[in-house]
Amino acid sequence: MGSVLKICDVGRWAPEKSRSSALLCGLLVVMLVPSVLFGCASVGRKTGAGQPPWEAVSVREKPQQGWWAVRFKLHWPDGTEPLWYMDSLLAHRVVSPVLQLHKNHLVLWRFHRRASRDQAGHQFSFLFYSSPVAARKIYADIKSDKTLQKLKRAGAVTGDSYDDIERFSKPRTEDTSDRHWSTNLQKSWPYFIMGVSQTWLSLIELAAADATNDCYPSSIGELQALYIKINDSINRLWRKEGGHAFLHHLNAVFGYAPVEVYEKRQMSF
């Protein structure tokens, strides 16, 4: 049976070394949303009960939209830990410029991080909700990115894949949420995780500016060394400040109501 605890009481918890994809992916899930209205449509219109107004307007006025994904498979040598700093590098140097260029055409977006000794391996994904026209432009910009091309030639990125634009398989905003969740949570969660992803990307950008004064190295080796430092910096911030800045304040948004957890120990959610 699970215990009922308050997250505001566990600020002392620190992440444990990752051991499975379920724990690894949890790094992003517990951060607080700073900007859930990023790139959303006008809210000055009456909508159905319980339906986010920005979602209702977007779906009604632009029905031909859906979720698309770009996935990067990363080099992961046997007997080693995943090279998590590569996620930060890809998010900052490859995806962020595309986000800035196309943000007005994205209703929702987020990152997904995972690593497991299976066919997918270590994979970093950029998911976004847009029209097929916007998706096609985003795909083209990512494929032509010079940093991505260098990483592929160096073998650091072993493959990149793109959802088929001709197949409209995920038209609903809840279509990338966990099917085990309640319906209302599935519909609301994409706005939460977009803010989480924006927070994480902002931390990377700020750490990069601190480390380089906006003057980035050009060689792949120097670039990787830089993002090892950036990743370590963010991990230290998460370990030291995440309990209060994210967990406590997330609990506060929900009125300090108890939450069920199933293991009372140091953990990565």
Protein backbone atom coordinates (compact mmCIF):
# COMPACT_ATOMS: atom_id res chain seq x y z
CA MET A 1 0.00 0.00 0.00
CA GLY A 2 1.15 3.51 -0.67
CA SER A 3 1.89 6.12 1.92
CA VAL A 4 0.22 9.52 1.93
CA LEU A 5 2.77 12.29 2.27
CA LYS A 6 2.94 15.99 1.62
CA ILE A 7 5.52 17.06 -0.90
CA CYS A 8 6.18 20.20 1.13
CA ASP A 9 7.60 17.87 3.81
CA VAL A 10 10.19 16.21 1.58
CA GLY A 11 12.44 19.09 0.56
CA ARG A 12 15.34 17.03 1.89
CA TRP A 13 14.87 14.38 -0.77
CA ALA A 14 17.60 14.28 -3.42
CA PRO A 15 17.67 12.41 -6.72
CA GLU A 16 19.09 8.93 -6.66
CA LYS A 17 21.28 7.55 -9.42
CA SER A 18 19.00 6.63 -12.33
CA ARG A 19 18.36 2.94 -12.87
CA SER A 20 15.40 2.70 -15.22
CA SER A 21 13.64 4.69 -17.90
CA ALA A 22 10.71 5.30 -15.58
CA LEU A 23 12.97 7.07 -13.09
CA LEU A 24 15.08 8.76 -15.75
CA CYS A 25 12.11 10.33 -17.47
CA GLY A 26 10.80 11.67 -14.14
CA LEU A 27 13.36 14.47 -13.98
CA LEU A 28 11.14 16.77 -15.97
CA VAL A 29 7.77 15.78 -14.57
CA VAL A 30 7.93 17.46 -11.17
CA MET A 31 8.97 20.99 -12.18
CA LEU A 32 6.65 23.98 -11.82
CA VAL A 33 4.98 25.55 -14.83
CA PRO A 34 6.22 29.12 -15.42
CA SER A 35 4.55 29.84 -18.71
CA VAL A 36 1.65 27.59 -19.61
CA LEU A 37 0.20 30.12 -22.00
CA PHE A 38 3.33 30.16 -24.18
CA GLY A 39 2.28 30.37 -27.82
CA CYS A 40 -1.43 29.85 -27.12
CA ALA A 41 -4.44 31.41 -28.80
CA SER A 42 -6.70 34.17 -27.47
CA VAL A 43 -8.88 33.29 -24.48
CA GLY A 44 -11.57 35.89 -25.05
CA ARG A 45 -14.22 33.42 -26.11
CA LYS A 46 -16.74 31.31 -24.24
CA THR A 47 -15.84 27.63 -24.03
CA GLY A 48 -17.30 24.43 -22.65
CA ALA A 49 -17.26 23.69 -18.92
CA GLY A 50 -13.96 22.34 -17.71
CA GLN A 51 -12.22 22.89 -21.05
CA PRO A 52 -9.12 25.14 -21.17
CA PRO A 53 -10.18 28.18 -23.22
CA TRP A 54 -6.94 28.37 -25.20
CA GLU A 55 -7.32 24.70 -26.19
CA ALA A 56 -10.95 25.12 -27.19
CA VAL A 57 -10.21 28.08 -29.44
CA SER A 58 -7.21 26.40 -31.04
CA VAL A 59 -8.96 23.14 -31.84
CA ARG A 60 -12.15 24.77 -33.14
CA GLU A 61 -10.45 27.32 -35.37
CA LYS A 62 -7.63 25.06 -36.59
CA PRO A 63 -8.91 21.49 -36.64
CA GLN A 64 -6.09 20.15 -38.85
CA GLN A 65 -3.50 20.00 -36.09
CA GLY A 66 -1.82 17.19 -34.25
CA TRP A 67 1.20 15.96 -32.33
CA TRP A 68 4.46 15.34 -34.17
CA ALA A 69 7.80 14.16 -32.83
CA VAL A 70 11.47 14.41 -33.71
CA ARG A 71 13.58 11.74 -32.01
CA PHE A 72 17.34 11.69 -31.67
CA LYS A 73 19.07 8.39 -30.90
CA LEU A 74 22.31 8.91 -29.01
CA HIS A 75 25.52 6.93 -28.80
CA TRP A 76 25.53 4.87 -25.59
CA PRO A 77 28.52 2.55 -25.19
CA ASP A 78 28.01 -0.76 -23.40
CA GLY A 79 28.86 -0.74 -19.72
CA THR A 80 28.53 3.03 -19.35
CA GLU A 81 25.98 5.48 -18.01
CA PRO A 82 23.87 7.42 -20.56
CA LEU A 83 25.48 10.62 -21.78
CA TRP A 84 22.75 12.84 -20.38
CA TYR A 85 24.57 16.04 -21.26
CA MET A 86 23.80 15.28 -24.92
CA ASP A 87 20.10 15.95 -24.24
CA SER A 88 21.01 19.43 -23.03
CA LEU A 89 23.20 20.02 -26.07
CA LEU A 90 20.47 19.01 -28.51
CA ALA A 91 17.78 20.99 -26.70
CA HIS A 92 19.87 24.16 -26.68
CA ARG A 93 21.81 24.05 -29.92
CA VAL A 94 19.37 22.24 -32.25
CA VAL A 95 15.81 22.58 -30.94
CA SER A 96 15.84 26.01 -29.28
CA PRO A 97 16.54 27.97 -32.49
CA VAL A 98 13.65 26.15 -34.17
CA LEU A 99 11.37 26.95 -31.25
CA GLN A 100 12.20 30.63 -31.51
CA LEU A 101 11.61 30.65 -35.25
CA HIS A 102 8.29 28.78 -35.20
CA LYS A 103 6.85 29.52 -31.75
CA ASN A 104 3.83 31.37 -33.18
CA HIS A 105 2.80 28.20 -35.00
CA LEU A 106 3.03 25.85 -32.00
CA VAL A 107 0.07 25.31 -29.71
CA LEU A 108 2.00 22.97 -27.39
CA TRP A 109 5.48 21.47 -27.22
CA ARG A 110 7.66 19.51 -24.83
CA PHE A 111 10.78 17.40 -24.40
CA HIS A 112 11.03 13.74 -23.49
CA ARG A 113 14.16 12.06 -22.15
CA ARG A 114 14.69 8.31 -21.76
CA ALA A 115 17.44 5.70 -21.67
CA SER A 116 17.01 1.95 -21.42
CA ARG A 117 18.91 -1.02 -22.80
CA ASP A 118 16.34 -1.76 -25.47
CA GLN A 119 15.89 -1.03 -29.15
CA ALA A 120 15.30 2.70 -28.60
CA GLY A 121 18.29 3.03 -26.25
CA HIS A 122 19.15 6.57 -25.19
CA GLN A 123 16.68 8.80 -26.97
CA PHE A 124 15.92 12.51 -26.73
CA SER A 125 12.64 13.68 -28.24
CA PHE A 126 11.06 16.98 -29.18
CA LEU A 127 7.26 16.75 -29.42
CA PHE A 128 5.03 19.54 -30.66
CA TYR A 129 1.39 20.19 -31.52
CA SER A 130 0.92 22.09 -34.78
CA SER A 131 -0.39 21.96 -38.33
CA PRO A 132 1.30 19.60 -40.82
CA VAL A 133 2.54 22.66 -42.71
CA ALA A 134 4.39 23.96 -39.64
CA ALA A 135 5.67 20.45 -38.86
CA ARG A 136 7.15 20.13 -42.33
CA LYS A 137 9.06 23.42 -41.90
CA ILE A 138 10.29 22.41 -38.45
CA TYR A 139 11.50 19.06 -39.76
CA ALA A 140 13.39 20.78 -42.57
CA ASP A 141 15.08 23.24 -40.21
CA ILE A 142 16.17 20.49 -37.82
CA LYS A 143 17.45 18.22 -40.59
CA SER A 144 19.56 21.05 -42.01
CA ASP A 145 20.95 22.17 -38.63
CA LYS A 146 24.75 22.31 -38.85
CA THR A 147 25.32 21.24 -35.24
CA LEU A 148 23.14 18.16 -35.73
CA GLN A 149 25.00 17.29 -38.90
CA LYS A 150 28.35 17.55 -37.07
CA LEU A 151 27.10 15.38 -34.21
CA LYS A 152 25.91 12.73 -36.66
CA ARG A 153 29.23 12.70 -38.54
CA ALA A 154 31.05 12.34 -35.21
CA GLY A 155 28.82 9.42 -34.20
CA ALA A 156 27.46 11.17 -31.11
CA VAL A 157 23.97 11.11 -32.63
CA THR A 158 23.41 7.75 -34.30
CA GLY A 159 20.05 8.56 -35.87
CA ASP A 160 17.20 11.04 -36.10
CA SER A 161 13.61 10.16 -37.00
CA TYR A 162 10.50 12.17 -37.78
CA ASP A 163 6.81 11.32 -37.51
CA ASP A 164 5.06 10.82 -40.83
CA ILE A 165 3.25 14.07 -41.65
CA GLU A 166 0.88 12.21 -43.96
CA ARG A 167 -0.50 10.19 -41.02
CA PHE A 168 -2.71 12.18 -38.66
CA SER A 169 -2.40 9.72 -35.77
CA LYS A 170 -2.47 12.09 -32.75
CA PRO A 171 -4.97 14.90 -33.40
CA ARG A 172 -6.09 15.45 -29.78
CA THR A 173 -4.07 17.44 -27.26
CA GLU A 174 -4.26 14.54 -24.79
CA ASP A 175 -2.92 11.99 -27.28
CA THR A 176 0.61 11.94 -25.84
CA SER A 177 -0.50 11.76 -22.19
CA ASP A 178 -0.37 8.57 -20.15
CA ARG A 179 -3.48 6.46 -20.81
CA HIS A 180 -3.48 5.28 -17.18
CA TRP A 181 -4.29 8.80 -15.98
CA SER A 182 -7.79 10.20 -15.55
CA THR A 183 -9.31 11.87 -18.61
CA ASN A 184 -9.13 15.36 -17.13
CA LEU A 185 -5.46 14.94 -16.22
CA GLN A 186 -4.63 13.66 -19.71
CA LYS A 187 -6.17 16.81 -21.19
CA SER A 188 -4.52 19.24 -18.76
CA TRP A 189 -1.05 17.70 -18.43
CA PRO A 190 0.36 18.87 -21.83
CA TYR A 191 0.19 22.49 -20.63
CA PHE A 192 2.06 21.57 -17.45
CA ILE A 193 4.84 19.68 -19.20
CA MET A 194 5.33 22.47 -21.73
CA GLY A 195 6.10 24.85 -18.88
CA VAL A 196 8.40 22.24 -17.35
CA SER A 197 10.27 21.91 -20.63
CA GLN A 198 10.54 25.68 -20.99
CA THR A 199 11.98 25.94 -17.47
CA TRP A 200 14.57 23.25 -18.15
CA LEU A 201 15.56 24.87 -21.46
CA SER A 202 15.85 28.27 -19.78
CA LEU A 203 18.17 26.80 -17.15
CA ILE A 204 20.36 25.38 -19.90
CA GLU A 205 20.48 28.72 -21.71
CA LEU A 206 21.40 30.61 -18.54
CA ALA A 207 24.04 28.06 -17.53
CA ALA A 208 25.52 28.20 -21.03
CA ALA A 209 25.71 32.00 -20.90
CA ASP A 210 27.43 31.84 -17.50
CA ALA A 211 29.95 29.30 -18.76
CA THR A 212 30.83 30.89 -22.08
CA ASN A 213 29.80 34.56 -22.10
CA ASP A 214 27.83 33.60 -25.22
CA CYS A 215 30.99 32.55 -27.07
CA TYR A 216 30.56 28.87 -27.92
CA PRO A 217 33.31 26.39 -28.88
CA SER A 218 33.29 25.13 -32.43
CA SER A 219 34.77 21.62 -32.25
CA ILE A 220 32.61 18.67 -31.23
CA GLY A 221 34.97 17.76 -28.38
CA GLU A 222 34.90 21.26 -26.92
CA LEU A 223 31.14 21.44 -27.39
CA GLN A 224 30.62 18.18 -25.50
CA ALA A 225 32.92 19.29 -22.70
CA LEU A 226 30.91 22.49 -22.33
CA TYR A 227 27.60 20.66 -22.02
CA ILE A 228 29.04 18.21 -19.52
CA LYS A 229 29.68 21.24 -17.30
CA ILE A 230 26.23 22.69 -18.04
CA ASN A 231 24.52 19.38 -17.26
CA ASP A 232 26.45 19.02 -14.00
CA SER A 233 25.52 22.59 -13.04
CA ILE A 234 21.82 21.96 -13.58
CA ASN A 235 21.97 18.65 -11.71
CA ARG A 236 23.52 20.42 -8.71
CA LEU A 237 20.82 23.08 -8.86
CA TRP A 238 18.10 20.43 -8.99
CA ARG A 239 19.61 18.49 -6.09
CA LYS A 240 20.04 21.54 -3.86
CA GLU A 241 17.07 23.74 -4.79
CA GLY A 242 14.55 21.48 -6.52
CA GLY A 243 12.87 20.39 -3.29
CA HIS A 244 11.71 23.90 -2.44
CA ALA A 245 11.64 25.68 -5.79
CA PHE A 246 9.75 22.94 -7.62
CA LEU A 247 8.30 20.25 -5.33
CA HIS A 248 7.21 22.54 -2.52
CA HIS A 249 5.70 25.18 -4.80
CA LEU A 250 3.99 22.58 -6.95
CA ASN A 251 2.40 21.23 -3.78
CA ALA A 252 1.44 24.79 -2.84
CA VAL A 253 -0.43 25.24 -6.14
CA PHE A 254 -2.55 22.24 -5.11
CA GLY A 255 -3.23 23.73 -1.67
CA TYR A 256 -0.75 21.47 0.18
CA ALA A 257 -3.07 18.52 -0.31
CA PRO A 258 -1.49 15.10 0.42
CA VAL A 259 -0.13 13.03 -2.44
CA GLU A 260 0.31 9.26 -2.53
CA VAL A 261 3.82 7.87 -2.92
CA TYR A 262 4.80 4.24 -2.77
CA GLU A 263 8.35 4.29 -1.44
CA LYS A 264 9.58 6.44 1.44
CA ARG A 265 13.23 6.87 0.55
CA GLN A 266 15.51 9.07 -1.51
CA MET A 267 14.14 8.91 -5.00
CA SER A 268 13.90 10.25 -8.50
CA PHE A 269 10.23 10.56 -9.42
